[in-house]
Amino acid sequence: MKIGPFVVNPDLLIFLLSSLIGYILLKLRLRSDAAMHKNVSDTLVNALILSIFVWKLSPLVFDFRSTIQQPLSLLYFNGGDPGILLAVLLSMLYILYRARKDQVGWPVYLEMLFIGYLGARFAYHALGYLFGGMLDTPALLQMLLAGGTAVWMLIGGQPPGERKRTEQTVLWYSLFGLFFTYLSRDRVPLVWGFSGEQVIYVLSAAAALGLSRFSGGKSSMEINGEG
């Protein structure tokens, strides 16, 4: 794709624009609590920047020899599903580190990360279609699922970090998203027959269930106090 005299990787442009929209949504969610706004938003922006770098540079991990032989390939290619998984893992570790250091409860980060992802996921499909891509039935369902869930999270009227509501929403979103992926003909197995996207859905559902069992009957305020 050419923008004036510059050649731009369309996938990277869509990724950046989608991330910006996701960031705008989490800013909207945090607008009612100025006290935690700066720490949380700064941490998530840093995590996003980290994920972009890891995603773009992940061919150095998964195909080191070819990447070293053709270093300019990093400008046009990325690590695909394995790169996304690595980026998500490292970003989550960074967020957990910052949550502990800043003494902000993990339910807040979980909710903000989820809302940012929903906005970015909706925008990714919409922008891809606007830039001339295809929007088949599975992609349309994923876009509507992400957009509808984001609206549900934003209009709930509850303060940021409401643990139980976030865990239940993440669980149901992950289950529906996992089901929709089986409608896609482009699914490429990565681990145990699951595609990279399906692995993320399975891990998200497991995390929601695990966090629910770990926190037991504690309120969001009690968990935040422990952070």
Protein backbone atom coordinates (compact mmCIF):
# COMPACT_ATOMS: atom_id res chain seq x y z
CA MET A 1 0.00 0.00 0.00
CA LYS A 2 1.34 3.45 -0.97
CA ILE A 3 0.61 6.59 1.02
CA GLY A 4 2.18 9.41 -0.96
CA PRO A 5 5.83 8.50 -1.58
CA PHE A 6 5.83 5.91 1.24
CA VAL A 7 5.19 2.19 0.97
CA VAL A 8 3.25 1.01 4.04
CA ASN A 9 2.58 -2.53 5.16
CA PRO A 10 -1.26 -2.65 5.23
CA ASP A 11 -1.36 -5.31 7.96
CA LEU A 12 0.82 -3.17 10.23
CA LEU A 13 -1.27 -0.06 9.49
CA ILE A 14 -4.51 -1.87 10.32
CA PHE A 15 -2.92 -3.29 13.48
CA LEU A 16 -1.83 0.17 14.64
CA LEU A 17 -5.20 1.80 13.89
CA SER A 18 -7.03 -1.04 15.62
CA SER A 19 -4.80 -0.69 18.66
CA LEU A 20 -5.54 3.04 18.77
CA ILE A 21 -9.29 2.38 18.78
CA GLY A 22 -8.86 -0.20 21.55
CA TYR A 23 -6.89 2.35 23.56
CA ILE A 24 -9.64 4.95 23.10
CA LEU A 25 -12.20 2.50 24.49
CA LEU A 26 -10.20 1.73 27.61
CA LYS A 27 -9.68 5.48 28.15
CA LEU A 28 -13.46 5.89 28.00
CA ARG A 29 -13.86 3.13 30.58
CA LEU A 30 -11.34 4.75 32.94
CA ARG A 31 -12.68 8.29 32.63
CA SER A 32 -14.75 7.91 35.81
CA ASP A 33 -11.72 7.07 37.99
CA ALA A 34 -8.94 9.61 37.55
CA ALA A 35 -6.90 8.16 40.44
CA MET A 36 -6.00 4.94 38.63
CA HIS A 37 -6.19 6.40 35.11
CA LYS A 38 -2.53 7.28 34.64
CA ASN A 39 -0.93 4.12 36.04
CA VAL A 40 -3.26 1.75 34.22
CA SER A 41 -3.27 3.53 30.86
CA ASP A 42 0.54 3.99 30.89
CA THR A 43 1.09 0.34 31.71
CA LEU A 44 -1.23 -0.85 28.96
CA VAL A 45 0.33 1.48 26.38
CA ASN A 46 3.76 0.14 27.28
CA ALA A 47 2.41 -3.42 27.03
CA LEU A 48 0.98 -2.61 23.58
CA ILE A 49 4.30 -1.19 22.37
CA LEU A 50 6.06 -4.27 23.73
CA SER A 51 3.62 -6.59 21.96
CA ILE A 52 4.09 -4.80 18.62
CA PHE A 53 7.87 -5.10 18.84
CA VAL A 54 7.69 -8.76 19.89
CA TRP A 55 5.17 -9.57 17.13
CA LYS A 56 7.27 -7.86 14.44
CA LEU A 57 10.60 -9.23 15.66
CA SER A 58 9.40 -12.74 16.50
CA PRO A 59 10.76 -14.17 13.19
CA LEU A 60 14.16 -13.78 14.86
CA VAL A 61 12.96 -16.39 17.37
CA PHE A 62 11.08 -18.76 15.06
CA ASP A 63 13.16 -18.46 11.87
CA PHE A 64 16.46 -16.93 12.94
CA ARG A 65 18.64 -18.08 10.04
CA SER A 66 16.34 -16.86 7.25
CA THR A 67 15.69 -13.57 9.02
CA ILE A 68 19.40 -12.88 9.48
CA GLN A 69 20.03 -13.65 5.82
CA GLN A 70 17.25 -11.25 4.77
CA PRO A 71 16.88 -8.69 7.60
CA LEU A 72 14.66 -6.38 5.53
CA SER A 73 11.99 -9.08 5.65
CA LEU A 74 11.18 -7.80 9.16
CA LEU A 75 9.67 -4.70 7.53
CA TYR A 76 7.15 -6.72 5.55
CA PHE A 77 6.52 -9.89 7.56
CA ASN A 78 5.67 -10.86 11.12
CA GLY A 79 5.69 -13.98 13.24
CA GLY A 80 2.09 -15.00 12.49
CA ASP A 81 0.18 -16.93 15.13
CA PRO A 82 3.31 -18.03 17.07
CA GLY A 83 4.43 -14.39 17.15
CA ILE A 84 1.06 -13.29 18.46
CA LEU A 85 1.16 -15.90 21.23
CA LEU A 86 4.67 -14.84 22.24
CA ALA A 87 3.63 -11.16 22.22
CA VAL A 88 0.58 -11.89 24.37
CA LEU A 89 2.62 -13.93 26.86
CA LEU A 90 5.34 -11.31 27.34
CA SER A 91 2.82 -8.47 27.53
CA MET A 92 0.82 -10.30 30.20
CA LEU A 93 3.98 -10.91 32.25
CA TYR A 94 4.81 -7.22 32.02
CA ILE A 95 1.28 -6.24 33.11
CA LEU A 96 1.42 -8.61 36.09
CA TYR A 97 4.76 -7.09 37.09
CA ARG A 98 3.41 -3.53 36.87
CA ALA A 99 0.20 -4.44 38.72
CA ARG A 100 2.23 -5.76 41.62
CA LYS A 101 4.65 -2.84 41.60
CA ASP A 102 1.96 -0.13 41.35
CA GLN A 103 -0.37 -1.90 43.81
CA VAL A 104 -3.30 -1.82 41.41
CA GLY A 105 -5.60 -4.82 41.63
CA TRP A 106 -5.42 -7.29 38.75
CA PRO A 107 -9.20 -7.13 38.09
CA VAL A 108 -8.72 -3.57 36.82
CA TYR A 109 -5.99 -4.61 34.39
CA LEU A 110 -7.98 -7.65 33.31
CA GLU A 111 -11.01 -5.54 32.46
CA MET A 112 -9.05 -2.77 30.71
CA LEU A 113 -7.03 -5.27 28.71
CA PHE A 114 -10.22 -7.05 27.71
CA ILE A 115 -12.01 -3.86 26.65
CA GLY A 116 -8.98 -2.68 24.68
CA TYR A 117 -8.80 -6.04 22.94
CA LEU A 118 -12.51 -5.97 22.07
CA GLY A 119 -12.24 -2.53 20.50
CA ALA A 120 -9.13 -3.52 18.57
CA ARG A 121 -10.69 -6.79 17.41
CA PHE A 122 -13.83 -5.05 16.13
CA ALA A 123 -11.76 -2.37 14.38
CA TYR A 124 -9.38 -4.95 12.89
CA HIS A 125 -12.16 -6.70 10.98
CA ALA A 126 -13.92 -3.46 10.04
CA LEU A 127 -10.75 -1.75 8.81
CA GLY A 128 -9.63 -4.87 6.98
CA TYR A 129 -12.90 -4.84 5.06
CA LEU A 130 -12.63 -1.10 4.34
CA PHE A 131 -9.09 -1.59 3.00
CA GLY A 132 -10.38 -4.14 0.50
CA GLY A 133 -10.23 -7.36 2.48
CA MET A 134 -12.85 -10.08 2.69
CA LEU A 135 -15.36 -10.30 5.52
CA ASP A 136 -16.68 -13.86 5.50
CA THR A 137 -19.30 -15.19 7.90
CA PRO A 138 -16.85 -16.28 10.67
CA ALA A 139 -15.07 -12.90 10.56
CA LEU A 140 -18.40 -11.04 10.61
CA LEU A 141 -19.53 -13.07 13.64
CA GLN A 142 -16.23 -12.36 15.43
CA MET A 143 -16.57 -8.64 14.67
CA LEU A 144 -20.14 -8.48 15.96
CA LEU A 145 -19.23 -10.52 19.04
CA ALA A 146 -16.36 -8.18 19.89
CA GLY A 147 -18.37 -5.02 19.25
CA GLY A 148 -21.41 -6.21 21.19
CA THR A 149 -19.31 -7.34 24.14
CA ALA A 150 -17.45 -4.01 24.21
CA VAL A 151 -20.74 -2.10 24.35
CA TRP A 152 -21.93 -4.38 27.16
CA MET A 153 -18.78 -3.69 29.17
CA LEU A 154 -18.96 0.07 28.64
CA ILE A 155 -22.63 0.59 29.54
CA GLY A 156 -22.68 -1.58 32.66
CA GLY A 157 -22.54 1.41 35.00
CA GLN A 158 -20.17 -0.35 37.43
CA PRO A 159 -16.74 0.96 38.55
CA PRO A 160 -13.62 -0.38 36.81
CA GLY A 161 -12.35 -3.70 38.16
CA GLU A 162 -15.66 -5.39 38.94
CA ARG A 163 -14.21 -8.89 39.14
CA LYS A 164 -17.21 -11.21 38.83
CA ARG A 165 -18.79 -9.42 35.88
CA THR A 166 -15.49 -9.27 33.98
CA GLU A 167 -14.68 -12.94 34.59
CA GLN A 168 -18.12 -14.07 33.40
CA THR A 169 -17.95 -11.87 30.31
CA VAL A 170 -14.46 -13.08 29.40
CA LEU A 171 -15.59 -16.69 29.83
CA TRP A 172 -18.68 -16.39 27.62
CA TYR A 173 -16.88 -14.29 25.02
CA SER A 174 -14.09 -16.88 24.80
CA LEU A 175 -16.52 -19.79 24.43
CA PHE A 176 -18.53 -18.10 21.68
CA GLY A 177 -15.34 -16.92 19.95
CA LEU A 178 -13.90 -20.44 20.07
CA PHE A 179 -17.10 -21.82 18.52
CA PHE A 180 -17.02 -19.26 15.69
CA THR A 181 -13.43 -20.21 14.78
CA TYR A 182 -14.61 -23.69 13.82
CA LEU A 183 -16.68 -22.10 11.05
CA SER A 184 -13.54 -20.81 9.36
CA ARG A 185 -11.97 -22.78 6.52
CA ASP A 186 -8.61 -21.02 6.99
CA ARG A 187 -7.94 -22.49 10.42
CA VAL A 188 -4.32 -23.72 10.65
CA PRO A 189 -3.54 -26.10 13.57
CA LEU A 190 -0.72 -24.89 15.80
CA VAL A 191 -0.89 -26.78 19.11
CA TRP A 192 -2.86 -30.02 19.74
CA GLY A 193 -5.06 -29.31 16.71
CA PHE A 194 -5.92 -25.78 17.85
CA SER A 195 -5.04 -22.71 15.80
CA GLY A 196 -3.23 -19.81 17.45
CA GLU A 197 -6.50 -17.92 17.83
CA GLN A 198 -8.18 -20.93 19.41
CA VAL A 199 -5.29 -21.33 21.86
CA ILE A 200 -5.85 -17.74 23.02
CA TYR A 201 -9.58 -18.37 23.47
CA VAL A 202 -8.96 -21.56 25.44
CA LEU A 203 -6.37 -19.89 27.66
CA SER A 204 -8.69 -16.90 28.22
CA ALA A 205 -11.58 -19.15 29.26
CA ALA A 206 -9.30 -21.17 31.54
CA ALA A 207 -7.91 -17.98 33.07
CA ALA A 208 -11.42 -16.64 33.77
CA LEU A 209 -12.38 -19.90 35.46
CA GLY A 210 -9.11 -20.10 37.36
CA LEU A 211 -9.30 -16.53 38.61
CA SER A 212 -12.87 -17.10 39.73
CA ARG A 213 -11.84 -20.13 41.79
CA PHE A 214 -8.71 -18.41 43.10
CA SER A 215 -10.52 -15.29 44.29
CA GLY A 216 -13.43 -17.27 45.73
CA GLY A 217 -15.97 -15.03 47.38
CA LYS A 218 -13.72 -12.01 47.70
CA SER A 219 -15.01 -8.70 46.48
CA SER A 220 -13.19 -6.59 43.93
CA MET A 221 -12.26 -4.10 46.64
CA GLU A 222 -10.65 -6.83 48.76
CA ILE A 223 -8.58 -8.07 45.84
CA ASN A 224 -7.51 -4.54 44.96
CA GLY A 225 -6.37 -4.05 48.52
CA GLU A 226 -4.15 -7.12 48.25
CA GLY A 227 -2.56 -5.91 44.98
